[in-house]
C-alpha cells in the first residue's frame, strides 16, 4: 500500500563509476537496494561535491498487478511530484 520514489539529477555526457552506471539495484528475498551514483570528479584539497536525492513516500497506492495498474495508480502519483 506504499509507493517509494527516489529522484536525482542525471548529468548526460559525464563519466560515472562502475561501468558508467548512474543507478545500481540489488535485490534478494529480504531486501531491495536502490542506489544512485554521482559522476566521477577530481577534487582538489578544500573542494567538495554534493549528490542530492529527493525521497517521497506515498500511502494508499495499490500494488500494481500489471501495466494498467501502473498507468492508473503509479504514474499519476509520480507525475504529481513538483
C-alpha atoms as a PDB file:
ATOM      1  CA  UNK A   1       0.000   0.000   0.000  1.00  0.00           C
ATOM      2  CA  UNK A   2       3.007   2.335  -0.205  1.00  0.00           C
ATOM      3  CA  UNK A   3       4.963   3.817  -3.104  1.00  0.00           C
ATOM      4  CA  UNK A   4       8.550   4.965  -2.615  1.00  0.00           C
ATOM      5  CA  UNK A   5      10.005   7.350  -5.218  1.00  0.00           C
ATOM      6  CA  UNK A   6      13.633   8.435  -5.301  1.00  0.00           C
ATOM      7  CA  UNK A   7      14.677  11.266  -7.647  1.00  0.00           C
ATOM      8  CA  UNK A   8      18.062  12.731  -8.502  1.00  0.00           C
ATOM      9  CA  UNK A   9      19.652  14.649 -11.362  1.00  0.00           C
ATOM     10  CA  UNK A  10      21.366  12.662 -14.094  1.00  0.00           C
ATOM     11  CA  UNK A  11      24.151  14.512 -15.885  1.00  0.00           C
ATOM     12  CA  UNK A  12      24.486  13.397 -19.520  1.00  0.00           C
ATOM     13  CA  UNK A  13      27.891  13.366 -21.166  1.00  0.00           C
ATOM     14  CA  UNK A  14      29.942  12.748 -17.997  1.00  0.00           C
ATOM     15  CA  UNK A  15      31.563   9.575 -16.665  1.00  0.00           C
ATOM     16  CA  UNK A  16      30.010   7.586 -13.840  1.00  0.00           C
ATOM     17  CA  UNK A  17      31.649   4.824 -11.767  1.00  0.00           C
ATOM     18  CA  UNK A  18      31.109   1.064 -12.143  1.00  0.00           C
ATOM     19  CA  UNK A  19      30.980   0.747 -15.932  1.00  0.00           C
ATOM     20  CA  UNK A  20      29.396   4.206 -16.285  1.00  0.00           C
ATOM     21  CA  UNK A  21      26.357   3.325 -14.135  1.00  0.00           C
ATOM     22  CA  UNK A  22      24.284   6.104 -12.590  1.00  0.00           C
ATOM     23  CA  UNK A  23      21.984   3.651 -10.745  1.00  0.00           C
ATOM     24  CA  UNK A  24      22.654   0.306  -9.074  1.00  0.00           C
ATOM     25  CA  UNK A  25      19.925  -2.072  -7.913  1.00  0.00           C
ATOM     26  CA  UNK A  26      20.360  -5.138  -5.735  1.00  0.00           C
ATOM     27  CA  UNK A  27      17.598  -7.395  -4.535  1.00  0.00           C
ATOM     28  CA  UNK A  28      17.149 -10.732  -2.846  1.00  0.00           C
ATOM     29  CA  UNK A  29      14.351 -12.327  -0.840  1.00  0.00           C
ATOM     30  CA  UNK A  30      14.855  -9.941   2.087  1.00  0.00           C
ATOM     31  CA  UNK A  31      15.900  -6.538   0.719  1.00  0.00           C
ATOM     32  CA  UNK A  32      15.819  -4.151  -2.187  1.00  0.00           C
ATOM     33  CA  UNK A  33      18.683  -1.674  -2.530  1.00  0.00           C
ATOM     34  CA  UNK A  34      18.356   1.239  -4.949  1.00  0.00           C
ATOM     35  CA  UNK A  35      21.499   3.349  -5.065  1.00  0.00           C
ATOM     36  CA  UNK A  36      22.070   6.417  -7.217  1.00  0.00           C
ATOM     37  CA  UNK A  37      25.610   7.402  -8.157  1.00  0.00           C
ATOM     38  CA  UNK A  38      27.084  10.786  -8.920  1.00  0.00           C
ATOM     39  CA  UNK A  39      29.545  11.390 -11.737  1.00  0.00           C
ATOM     40  CA  UNK A  40      33.252  10.845 -11.264  1.00  0.00           C
ATOM     41  CA  UNK A  41      35.069  14.047 -10.332  1.00  0.00           C
ATOM     42  CA  UNK A  42      38.568  15.055  -9.313  1.00  0.00           C
ATOM     43  CA  UNK A  43      38.581  17.188  -6.195  1.00  0.00           C
ATOM     44  CA  UNK A  44      41.401  19.463  -5.187  1.00  0.00           C
ATOM     45  CA  UNK A  45      42.159  19.963  -1.495  1.00  0.00           C
ATOM     46  CA  UNK A  46      39.386  22.001   0.121  1.00  0.00           C
ATOM     47  CA  UNK A  47      36.854  21.299  -2.645  1.00  0.00           C
ATOM     48  CA  UNK A  48      33.704  19.283  -2.142  1.00  0.00           C
ATOM     49  CA  UNK A  49      30.916  17.715  -4.132  1.00  0.00           C
ATOM     50  CA  UNK A  50      27.265  17.110  -3.347  1.00  0.00           C
ATOM     51  CA  UNK A  51      24.923  14.382  -4.584  1.00  0.00           C
ATOM     52  CA  UNK A  52      21.283  15.172  -3.806  1.00  0.00           C
ATOM     53  CA  UNK A  53      18.462  12.633  -3.685  1.00  0.00           C
ATOM     54  CA  UNK A  54      14.813  13.509  -3.124  1.00  0.00           C
ATOM     55  CA  UNK A  55      12.771  10.812  -1.383  1.00  0.00           C
ATOM     56  CA  UNK A  56       8.975  10.572  -1.441  1.00  0.00           C
ATOM     57  CA  UNK A  57       6.721   8.037   0.278  1.00  0.00           C
ATOM     58  CA  UNK A  58       3.057   7.794  -0.715  1.00  0.00           C
ATOM     59  CA  UNK A  59       0.366   5.884   1.204  1.00  0.00           C
ATOM     60  CA  UNK A  60      -2.657   4.026  -0.158  1.00  0.00           C
ATOM     61  CA  UNK A  61      -1.139   3.099  -3.515  1.00  0.00           C
ATOM     62  CA  UNK A  62      -2.285  -0.380  -4.594  1.00  0.00           C
ATOM     63  CA  UNK A  63       0.405  -2.848  -5.598  1.00  0.00           C
ATOM     64  CA  UNK A  64       0.281  -2.973  -9.398  1.00  0.00           C
ATOM     65  CA  UNK A  65      -0.742  -6.271 -10.957  1.00  0.00           C
ATOM     66  CA  UNK A  66       0.288  -5.090 -14.421  1.00  0.00           C
ATOM     67  CA  UNK A  67       0.898  -2.169 -16.723  1.00  0.00           C
ATOM     68  CA  UNK A  68      -2.713  -0.972 -16.491  1.00  0.00           C
ATOM     69  CA  UNK A  69      -2.374  -0.521 -12.716  1.00  0.00           C
ATOM     70  CA  UNK A  70       0.934   1.318 -13.136  1.00  0.00           C
ATOM     71  CA  UNK A  71      -0.726   3.719 -15.569  1.00  0.00           C
ATOM     72  CA  UNK A  72      -3.774   4.182 -13.306  1.00  0.00           C
ATOM     73  CA  UNK A  73      -2.146   4.418  -9.860  1.00  0.00           C
ATOM     74  CA  UNK A  74       1.623   4.867 -10.025  1.00  0.00           C
ATOM     75  CA  UNK A  75       2.101   7.223 -12.964  1.00  0.00           C
ATOM     76  CA  UNK A  76      -0.333   9.934 -11.764  1.00  0.00           C
ATOM     77  CA  UNK A  77       1.290   9.856  -8.323  1.00  0.00           C
ATOM     78  CA  UNK A  78       4.799  10.224  -9.722  1.00  0.00           C
ATOM     79  CA  UNK A  79       3.707  12.982 -12.105  1.00  0.00           C
ATOM     80  CA  UNK A  80       2.137  14.893  -9.182  1.00  0.00           C
ATOM     81  CA  UNK A  81       5.573  15.464  -7.613  1.00  0.00           C
ATOM     82  CA  UNK A  82       6.558  19.107  -8.153  1.00  0.00           C
END
